């Protein structure tokens, strides 16, 4: 399996990162895509990728930190991507769930990152919390669909429209919650060729582990639940989602 979205650089992993990575590897997780959230984190992610051949870096500006991002950060992002290997541009996108984040500024920064990704032929790793349709409309505007919408929580119809254009959808620990019935229906509806799995660790812990860290090896729980939901084996799910990750990220 490959974790298509995990924040291994998070300081909450500083004390036991190597141990947790080894546990995940022993459980069958052979790759970790690690997206940045701000310029300040680029160097740490590069160091992790340099130290671990199965850690695959991405660099971008996350909408959560829209008030911190400066115009020159977009230039720094472009320069960093020019000078360093990356499998994607991200984590970028929009978050309309939080009312304290200015939407116009979010959209301006996201749009510039779409243009940059398109110019560099890099896939996008996109945050879509409360903003699935807005993100999709912006991708359509630029006719650029080389992207993964991470932690997807849109409707069945939105999933169909988005995947029909070639965008992949990432599903994480939220699907393991037995009460997430609408999300389960979305997972069932999405073709395996358009699906990847993720943890978003250390965020988004399993529903029965609230206030704890989400761990790299929790991808196994996601895989088991998604496979059960789609009525296929974990082996088939792992094979297909790994193939999808390799295709979109060029692994």
C-alpha atoms as a PDB file:
ATOM      1  CA  UNK A   1       0.000   0.000   0.000  1.00  0.00           C
ATOM      2  CA  UNK A   2       0.931   3.639  -0.430  1.00  0.00           C
ATOM      3  CA  UNK A   3      -0.350   6.375   1.857  1.00  0.00           C
ATOM      4  CA  UNK A   4      -1.310   9.099  -0.598  1.00  0.00           C
ATOM      5  CA  UNK A   5      -1.454  11.823   2.068  1.00  0.00           C
ATOM      6  CA  UNK A   6       0.414  11.887   5.386  1.00  0.00           C
ATOM      7  CA  UNK A   7       2.118  14.709   7.291  1.00  0.00           C
ATOM      8  CA  UNK A   8       5.170  12.832   8.558  1.00  0.00           C
ATOM      9  CA  UNK A   9       6.944  16.130   9.126  1.00  0.00           C
ATOM     10  CA  UNK A  10       4.488  17.089  11.882  1.00  0.00           C
ATOM     11  CA  UNK A  11       6.248  17.764  15.178  1.00  0.00           C
ATOM     12  CA  UNK A  12       3.911  15.298  16.888  1.00  0.00           C
ATOM     13  CA  UNK A  13       5.971  12.583  15.192  1.00  0.00           C
ATOM     14  CA  UNK A  14       9.376  13.947  16.194  1.00  0.00           C
ATOM     15  CA  UNK A  15       9.818  11.630  19.179  1.00  0.00           C
ATOM     16  CA  UNK A  16       8.972   8.307  17.516  1.00  0.00           C
ATOM     17  CA  UNK A  17       8.864   8.883  13.757  1.00  0.00           C
ATOM     18  CA  UNK A  18      11.327   6.116  12.847  1.00  0.00           C
ATOM     19  CA  UNK A  19       9.563   3.578  15.027  1.00  0.00           C
ATOM     20  CA  UNK A  20       6.150   4.432  13.542  1.00  0.00           C
ATOM     21  CA  UNK A  21       7.510   4.263  10.010  1.00  0.00           C
ATOM     22  CA  UNK A  22       8.981   0.830  10.638  1.00  0.00           C
ATOM     23  CA  UNK A  23       5.689  -0.401  12.099  1.00  0.00           C
ATOM     24  CA  UNK A  24       3.871   0.819   8.996  1.00  0.00           C
ATOM     25  CA  UNK A  25       6.395  -0.812   6.670  1.00  0.00           C
ATOM     26  CA  UNK A  26       6.046  -4.114   8.488  1.00  0.00           C
ATOM     27  CA  UNK A  27       2.266  -3.822   8.027  1.00  0.00           C
ATOM     28  CA  UNK A  28       2.706  -3.551   4.250  1.00  0.00           C
ATOM     29  CA  UNK A  29       2.805   0.213   3.701  1.00  0.00           C
ATOM     30  CA  UNK A  30       5.623   0.828   1.258  1.00  0.00           C
ATOM     31  CA  UNK A  31       5.259   4.485   0.369  1.00  0.00           C
ATOM     32  CA  UNK A  32       4.314   7.778   1.981  1.00  0.00           C
ATOM     33  CA  UNK A  33       3.373  10.938   0.064  1.00  0.00           C
ATOM     34  CA  UNK A  34       4.120  13.906   2.340  1.00  0.00           C
ATOM     35  CA  UNK A  35       2.636  17.267   1.315  1.00  0.00           C
ATOM     36  CA  UNK A  36       3.866  20.545   2.758  1.00  0.00           C
ATOM     37  CA  UNK A  37       1.531  23.225   4.080  1.00  0.00           C
ATOM     38  CA  UNK A  38       3.769  26.327   4.168  1.00  0.00           C
ATOM     39  CA  UNK A  39       7.192  27.506   3.029  1.00  0.00           C
ATOM     40  CA  UNK A  40       8.492  27.089   6.574  1.00  0.00           C
ATOM     41  CA  UNK A  41       8.054  23.325   6.315  1.00  0.00           C
ATOM     42  CA  UNK A  42       9.713  22.718   2.947  1.00  0.00           C
ATOM     43  CA  UNK A  43      13.204  21.989   4.277  1.00  0.00           C
ATOM     44  CA  UNK A  44      12.070  19.449   6.874  1.00  0.00           C
ATOM     45  CA  UNK A  45      10.091  17.493   4.285  1.00  0.00           C
ATOM     46  CA  UNK A  46      13.069  17.512   1.926  1.00  0.00           C
ATOM     47  CA  UNK A  47      15.280  16.169   4.731  1.00  0.00           C
ATOM     48  CA  UNK A  48      12.798  13.364   5.423  1.00  0.00           C
ATOM     49  CA  UNK A  49      12.638  12.452   1.738  1.00  0.00           C
ATOM     50  CA  UNK A  50      16.436  12.501   1.487  1.00  0.00           C
ATOM     51  CA  UNK A  51      16.671  10.163   4.481  1.00  0.00           C
ATOM     52  CA  UNK A  52      13.924   7.711   3.453  1.00  0.00           C
ATOM     53  CA  UNK A  53      13.590   6.402  -0.098  1.00  0.00           C
ATOM     54  CA  UNK A  54       9.894   5.571   0.459  1.00  0.00           C
ATOM     55  CA  UNK A  55       8.998   9.128   1.527  1.00  0.00           C
ATOM     56  CA  UNK A  56       7.812  11.157  -1.462  1.00  0.00           C
ATOM     57  CA  UNK A  57       7.695  14.955  -1.018  1.00  0.00           C
ATOM     58  CA  UNK A  58       5.198  17.516  -2.275  1.00  0.00           C
ATOM     59  CA  UNK A  59       5.347  21.252  -1.715  1.00  0.00           C
ATOM     60  CA  UNK A  60       2.506  23.743  -1.559  1.00  0.00           C
ATOM     61  CA  UNK A  61       0.627  26.420   0.391  1.00  0.00           C
ATOM     62  CA  UNK A  62      -2.307  25.151   2.479  1.00  0.00           C
ATOM     63  CA  UNK A  63      -5.468  27.277   2.776  1.00  0.00           C
ATOM     64  CA  UNK A  64      -5.437  26.949   6.588  1.00  0.00           C
ATOM     65  CA  UNK A  65      -2.469  29.296   6.669  1.00  0.00           C
ATOM     66  CA  UNK A  66      -3.785  31.791   4.164  1.00  0.00           C
ATOM     67  CA  UNK A  67      -3.192  34.694   6.565  1.00  0.00           C
ATOM     68  CA  UNK A  68       0.474  33.708   6.909  1.00  0.00           C
ATOM     69  CA  UNK A  69       1.231  33.180   3.219  1.00  0.00           C
ATOM     70  CA  UNK A  70       2.837  36.146   1.516  1.00  0.00           C
ATOM     71  CA  UNK A  71       2.967  36.897  -2.199  1.00  0.00           C
ATOM     72  CA  UNK A  72       6.678  36.102  -2.230  1.00  0.00           C
ATOM     73  CA  UNK A  73       5.887  32.631  -0.872  1.00  0.00           C
ATOM     74  CA  UNK A  74       4.468  31.724  -4.280  1.00  0.00           C
ATOM     75  CA  UNK A  75       7.795  32.692  -5.843  1.00  0.00           C
ATOM     76  CA  UNK A  76       9.635  30.684  -3.179  1.00  0.00           C
ATOM     77  CA  UNK A  77       7.405  27.704  -3.947  1.00  0.00           C
ATOM     78  CA  UNK A  78       8.173  27.958  -7.660  1.00  0.00           C
ATOM     79  CA  UNK A  79      11.901  28.204  -6.966  1.00  0.00           C
ATOM     80  CA  UNK A  80      11.835  25.272  -4.545  1.00  0.00           C
ATOM     81  CA  UNK A  81      10.007  23.091  -7.061  1.00  0.00           C
ATOM     82  CA  UNK A  82      12.550  24.102  -9.712  1.00  0.00           C
ATOM     83  CA  UNK A  83      15.480  23.116  -7.512  1.00  0.00           C
ATOM     84  CA  UNK A  84      14.134  20.015  -5.741  1.00  0.00           C
ATOM     85  CA  UNK A  85      12.446  16.787  -6.735  1.00  0.00           C
ATOM     86  CA  UNK A  86       8.724  16.618  -5.906  1.00  0.00           C
ATOM     87  CA  UNK A  87       5.926  14.231  -6.796  1.00  0.00           C
ATOM     88  CA  UNK A  88       3.232  16.914  -6.616  1.00  0.00           C
ATOM     89  CA  UNK A  89       2.327  20.488  -5.781  1.00  0.00           C
ATOM     90  CA  UNK A  90       0.430  20.517  -2.519  1.00  0.00           C
ATOM     91  CA  UNK A  91      -1.167  20.642  -0.157  1.00  0.00           C
ATOM     92  CA  UNK A  92      -3.138  23.472  -1.682  1.00  0.00           C
ATOM     93  CA  UNK A  93      -6.836  24.136  -2.244  1.00  0.00           C
ATOM     94  CA  UNK A  94      -9.758  25.769  -0.494  1.00  0.00           C
ATOM     95  CA  UNK A  95     -11.411  25.501   2.912  1.00  0.00           C
ATOM     96  CA  UNK A  96     -14.878  27.038   3.148  1.00  0.00           C
ATOM     97  CA  UNK A  97     -15.752  25.115   6.305  1.00  0.00           C
ATOM     98  CA  UNK A  98     -13.866  27.602   8.463  1.00  0.00           C
ATOM     99  CA  UNK A  99     -15.411  31.059   8.515  1.00  0.00           C
ATOM    100  CA  UNK A 100     -12.203  32.742   9.695  1.00  0.00           C
ATOM    101  CA  UNK A 101     -10.348  32.139   6.424  1.00  0.00           C
ATOM    102  CA  UNK A 102     -10.792  34.786   3.743  1.00  0.00           C
ATOM    103  CA  UNK A 103     -12.230  33.081   0.670  1.00  0.00           C
ATOM    104  CA  UNK A 104     -11.028  35.597  -1.891  1.00  0.00           C
ATOM    105  CA  UNK A 105      -7.435  35.317  -0.700  1.00  0.00           C
ATOM    106  CA  UNK A 106      -7.694  31.523  -0.619  1.00  0.00           C
ATOM    107  CA  UNK A 107      -8.941  31.446  -4.183  1.00  0.00           C
ATOM    108  CA  UNK A 108      -6.231  33.795  -5.426  1.00  0.00           C
ATOM    109  CA  UNK A 109      -3.438  31.723  -3.860  1.00  0.00           C
ATOM    110  CA  UNK A 110      -4.961  28.444  -5.019  1.00  0.00           C
ATOM    111  CA  UNK A 111      -5.417  29.693  -8.566  1.00  0.00           C
ATOM    112  CA  UNK A 112      -1.776  30.714  -8.810  1.00  0.00           C
ATOM    113  CA  UNK A 113      -0.762  27.251  -7.612  1.00  0.00           C
ATOM    114  CA  UNK A 114      -2.931  25.606 -10.291  1.00  0.00           C
ATOM    115  CA  UNK A 115      -1.187  27.705 -12.929  1.00  0.00           C
ATOM    116  CA  UNK A 116       2.217  26.773 -11.512  1.00  0.00           C
ATOM    117  CA  UNK A 117       1.376  23.054 -11.384  1.00  0.00           C
ATOM    118  CA  UNK A 118       0.114  23.159 -14.951  1.00  0.00           C
ATOM    119  CA  UNK A 119       3.256  24.941 -16.133  1.00  0.00           C
ATOM    120  CA  UNK A 120       5.435  22.335 -14.399  1.00  0.00           C
ATOM    121  CA  UNK A 121       3.204  19.371 -15.296  1.00  0.00           C
ATOM    122  CA  UNK A 122       2.910  18.407 -11.632  1.00  0.00           C
ATOM    123  CA  UNK A 123      -0.178  16.824 -10.081  1.00  0.00           C
ATOM    124  CA  UNK A 124      -2.038  18.803  -7.428  1.00  0.00           C
ATOM    125  CA  UNK A 125      -2.823  17.525  -3.945  1.00  0.00           C
ATOM    126  CA  UNK A 126      -5.972  19.436  -3.100  1.00  0.00           C
ATOM    127  CA  UNK A 127      -7.710  20.270   0.177  1.00  0.00           C
ATOM    128  CA  UNK A 128     -11.476  20.558  -0.429  1.00  0.00           C
ATOM    129  CA  UNK A 129     -13.072  20.921   3.008  1.00  0.00           C
ATOM    130  CA  UNK A 130     -16.503  22.456   2.429  1.00  0.00           C
ATOM    131  CA  UNK A 131     -15.375  23.520  -1.023  1.00  0.00           C
ATOM    132  CA  UNK A 132     -15.568  20.525  -3.362  1.00  0.00           C
ATOM    133  CA  UNK A 133     -17.566  22.331  -6.038  1.00  0.00           C
ATOM    134  CA  UNK A 134     -15.531  25.534  -5.823  1.00  0.00           C
ATOM    135  CA  UNK A 135     -12.299  23.599  -6.253  1.00  0.00           C
ATOM    136  CA  UNK A 136     -13.707  21.638  -9.178  1.00  0.00           C
ATOM    137  CA  UNK A 137     -14.896  24.821 -10.898  1.00  0.00           C
ATOM    138  CA  UNK A 138     -11.421  26.301 -10.588  1.00  0.00           C
ATOM    139  CA  UNK A 139      -9.816  23.165 -12.038  1.00  0.00           C
ATOM    140  CA  UNK A 140     -12.315  23.343 -14.918  1.00  0.00           C
ATOM    141  CA  UNK A 141     -11.494  27.010 -15.474  1.00  0.00           C
ATOM    142  CA  UNK A 142      -7.854  26.111 -16.044  1.00  0.00           C
ATOM    143  CA  UNK A 143      -8.616  22.785 -17.734  1.00  0.00           C
ATOM    144  CA  UNK A 144      -6.233  21.017 -15.414  1.00  0.00           C
ATOM    145  CA  UNK A 145      -7.399  17.777 -13.827  1.00  0.00           C
ATOM    146  CA  UNK A 146      -4.115  16.122 -12.901  1.00  0.00           C
ATOM    147  CA  UNK A 147      -5.050  16.141  -9.229  1.00  0.00           C
ATOM    148  CA  UNK A 148      -6.016  14.246  -6.110  1.00  0.00           C
ATOM    149  CA  UNK A 149      -8.843  15.638  -3.994  1.00  0.00           C
ATOM    150  CA  UNK A 150      -7.761  14.455  -0.578  1.00  0.00           C
ATOM    151  CA  UNK A 151     -10.172  13.502   2.206  1.00  0.00           C
ATOM    152  CA  UNK A 152     -13.054  13.662  -0.243  1.00  0.00           C
ATOM    153  CA  UNK A 153     -16.460  14.191   1.324  1.00  0.00           C
ATOM    154  CA  UNK A 154     -18.619  15.389  -1.540  1.00  0.00           C
ATOM    155  CA  UNK A 155     -21.724  13.764  -2.974  1.00  0.00           C
ATOM    156  CA  UNK A 156     -22.036  10.734  -5.241  1.00  0.00           C
ATOM    157  CA  UNK A 157     -22.918  13.030  -8.149  1.00  0.00           C
ATOM    158  CA  UNK A 158     -19.948  15.316  -7.496  1.00  0.00           C
ATOM    159  CA  UNK A 159     -17.677  12.278  -7.290  1.00  0.00           C
ATOM    160  CA  UNK A 160     -18.935  11.094 -10.679  1.00  0.00           C
ATOM    161  CA  UNK A 161     -18.435  14.478 -12.372  1.00  0.00           C
ATOM    162  CA  UNK A 162     -14.982  14.928 -10.877  1.00  0.00           C
ATOM    163  CA  UNK A 163     -13.666  11.447 -11.651  1.00  0.00           C
ATOM    164  CA  UNK A 164     -15.122  11.614 -15.175  1.00  0.00           C
ATOM    165  CA  UNK A 165     -12.576  14.391 -15.724  1.00  0.00           C
ATOM    166  CA  UNK A 166      -9.687  12.265 -14.454  1.00  0.00           C
ATOM    167  CA  UNK A 167      -9.293  13.618 -10.919  1.00  0.00           C
ATOM    168  CA  UNK A 168      -8.539  11.001  -8.254  1.00  0.00           C
ATOM    169  CA  UNK A 169     -10.333  10.961  -4.907  1.00  0.00           C
ATOM    170  CA  UNK A 170      -8.570  10.216  -1.626  1.00  0.00           C
ATOM    171  CA  UNK A 171     -10.388   8.507   1.229  1.00  0.00           C
ATOM    172  CA  UNK A 172      -9.070   8.287   4.763  1.00  0.00           C
ATOM    173  CA  UNK A 173     -10.001   7.407   8.301  1.00  0.00           C
ATOM    174  CA  UNK A 174     -13.419   9.099   8.084  1.00  0.00           C
ATOM    175  CA  UNK A 175     -14.700   6.119   6.083  1.00  0.00           C
ATOM    176  CA  UNK A 176     -14.030   3.773   9.003  1.00  0.00           C
ATOM    177  CA  UNK A 177     -16.732   5.454  11.084  1.00  0.00           C
ATOM    178  CA  UNK A 178     -19.798   3.153  10.894  1.00  0.00           C
ATOM    179  CA  UNK A 179     -22.085   6.203  11.019  1.00  0.00           C
ATOM    180  CA  UNK A 180     -20.566   7.824   7.906  1.00  0.00           C
ATOM    181  CA  UNK A 181     -23.202   6.271   5.656  1.00  0.00           C
ATOM    182  CA  UNK A 182     -23.233   8.996   2.995  1.00  0.00           C
ATOM    183  CA  UNK A 183     -19.473   8.704   2.642  1.00  0.00           C
ATOM    184  CA  UNK A 184     -19.782   4.923   2.360  1.00  0.00           C
ATOM    185  CA  UNK A 185     -22.160   5.387  -0.564  1.00  0.00           C
ATOM    186  CA  UNK A 186     -19.626   7.656  -2.256  1.00  0.00           C
ATOM    187  CA  UNK A 187     -16.863   5.080  -1.758  1.00  0.00           C
ATOM    188  CA  UNK A 188     -19.090   2.395  -3.264  1.00  0.00           C
ATOM    189  CA  UNK A 189     -19.831   4.573  -6.285  1.00  0.00           C
ATOM    190  CA  UNK A 190     -16.229   5.490  -7.145  1.00  0.00           C
ATOM    191  CA  UNK A 191     -14.468   3.266  -9.648  1.00  0.00           C
ATOM    192  CA  UNK A 192     -11.294   1.663  -8.300  1.00  0.00           C
ATOM    193  CA  UNK A 193      -9.283   3.351 -11.038  1.00  0.00           C
ATOM    194  CA  UNK A 194     -10.117   6.742  -9.494  1.00  0.00           C
ATOM    195  CA  UNK A 195      -9.463   5.981  -5.825  1.00  0.00           C
ATOM    196  CA  UNK A 196      -6.496   6.307  -3.462  1.00  0.00           C
ATOM    197  CA  UNK A 197      -6.261   5.812   0.300  1.00  0.00           C
ATOM    198  CA  UNK A 198      -4.667   7.996   2.949  1.00  0.00           C
ATOM    199  CA  UNK A 199      -4.333   8.665   6.659  1.00  0.00           C
ATOM    200  CA  UNK A 200      -3.709  12.445   6.822  1.00  0.00           C
ATOM    201  CA  UNK A 201      -1.796  11.481   9.971  1.00  0.00           C
ATOM    202  CA  UNK A 202      -1.416  12.748  12.608  1.00  0.00           C
ATOM    203  CA  UNK A 203      -4.739  14.521  11.946  1.00  0.00           C
ATOM    204  CA  UNK A 204      -8.142  12.865  11.509  1.00  0.00           C
ATOM    205  CA  UNK A 205      -7.768  10.027  14.050  1.00  0.00           C
ATOM    206  CA  UNK A 206      -9.999   6.969  13.823  1.00  0.00           C
ATOM    207  CA  UNK A 207     -13.489   7.578  15.205  1.00  0.00           C
ATOM    208  CA  UNK A 208     -12.777   5.347  18.227  1.00  0.00           C
ATOM    209  CA  UNK A 209      -9.458   7.052  18.996  1.00  0.00           C
ATOM    210  CA  UNK A 210     -10.503  10.665  19.402  1.00  0.00           C
ATOM    211  CA  UNK A 211      -7.911  13.052  20.848  1.00  0.00           C
ATOM    212  CA  UNK A 212      -5.157  10.638  19.841  1.00  0.00           C
ATOM    213  CA  UNK A 213      -2.770  10.861  16.916  1.00  0.00           C
ATOM    214  CA  UNK A 214      -3.654   9.204  13.671  1.00  0.00           C
ATOM    215  CA  UNK A 215      -0.730   6.841  12.960  1.00  0.00           C
ATOM    216  CA  UNK A 216       0.913   5.741   9.698  1.00  0.00           C
ATOM    217  CA  UNK A 217      -0.154   2.128  10.216  1.00  0.00           C
ATOM    218  CA  UNK A 218      -3.806   3.223  10.507  1.00  0.00           C
ATOM    219  CA  UNK A 219      -3.816   3.062   6.713  1.00  0.00           C
ATOM    220  CA  UNK A 220      -4.428  -0.666   7.215  1.00  0.00           C
ATOM    221  CA  UNK A 221      -7.775   0.092   8.878  1.00  0.00           C
ATOM    222  CA  UNK A 222      -8.718   2.384   6.003  1.00  0.00           C
ATOM    223  CA  UNK A 223      -7.803  -0.276   3.444  1.00  0.00           C
ATOM    224  CA  UNK A 224      -9.787  -2.971   5.249  1.00  0.00           C
ATOM    225  CA  UNK A 225     -12.905  -0.831   5.535  1.00  0.00           C
ATOM    226  CA  UNK A 226     -12.777   0.487   1.954  1.00  0.00           C
ATOM    227  CA  UNK A 227     -12.255  -3.055   0.647  1.00  0.00           C
ATOM    228  CA  UNK A 228     -15.198  -4.310   2.687  1.00  0.00           C
ATOM    229  CA  UNK A 229     -17.373  -1.426   1.487  1.00  0.00           C
ATOM    230  CA  UNK A 230     -16.511  -2.171  -2.141  1.00  0.00           C
ATOM    231  CA  UNK A 231     -16.843  -5.928  -1.566  1.00  0.00           C
ATOM    232  CA  UNK A 232     -13.346  -6.771  -2.769  1.00  0.00           C
ATOM    233  CA  UNK A 233     -10.263  -8.182  -1.074  1.00  0.00           C
ATOM    234  CA  UNK A 234      -7.737  -5.990   0.711  1.00  0.00           C
ATOM    235  CA  UNK A 235      -5.128  -7.387  -1.680  1.00  0.00           C
ATOM    236  CA  UNK A 236      -7.064  -6.151  -4.720  1.00  0.00           C
ATOM    237  CA  UNK A 237      -7.688  -2.763  -3.148  1.00  0.00           C
ATOM    238  CA  UNK A 238      -4.008  -2.421  -2.239  1.00  0.00           C
ATOM    239  CA  UNK A 239      -2.894  -3.367  -5.728  1.00  0.00           C
ATOM    240  CA  UNK A 240      -5.277  -0.953  -7.456  1.00  0.00           C
ATOM    241  CA  UNK A 241      -4.707   2.032  -5.182  1.00  0.00           C
ATOM    242  CA  UNK A 242      -0.941   1.534  -5.286  1.00  0.00           C
ATOM    243  CA  UNK A 243      -1.101   1.520  -9.080  1.00  0.00           C
ATOM    244  CA  UNK A 244      -3.179   4.711  -9.012  1.00  0.00           C
ATOM    245  CA  UNK A 245      -0.648   6.434  -6.746  1.00  0.00           C
ATOM    246  CA  UNK A 246       2.238   5.388  -8.935  1.00  0.00           C
ATOM    247  CA  UNK A 247       0.464   6.668 -12.023  1.00  0.00           C
ATOM    248  CA  UNK A 248      -0.573  10.081 -10.737  1.00  0.00           C
ATOM    249  CA  UNK A 249       2.606  10.809  -8.753  1.00  0.00           C
ATOM    250  CA  UNK A 250       5.045   9.173 -11.147  1.00  0.00           C
ATOM    251  CA  UNK A 251       6.468   6.870  -8.480  1.00  0.00           C
END
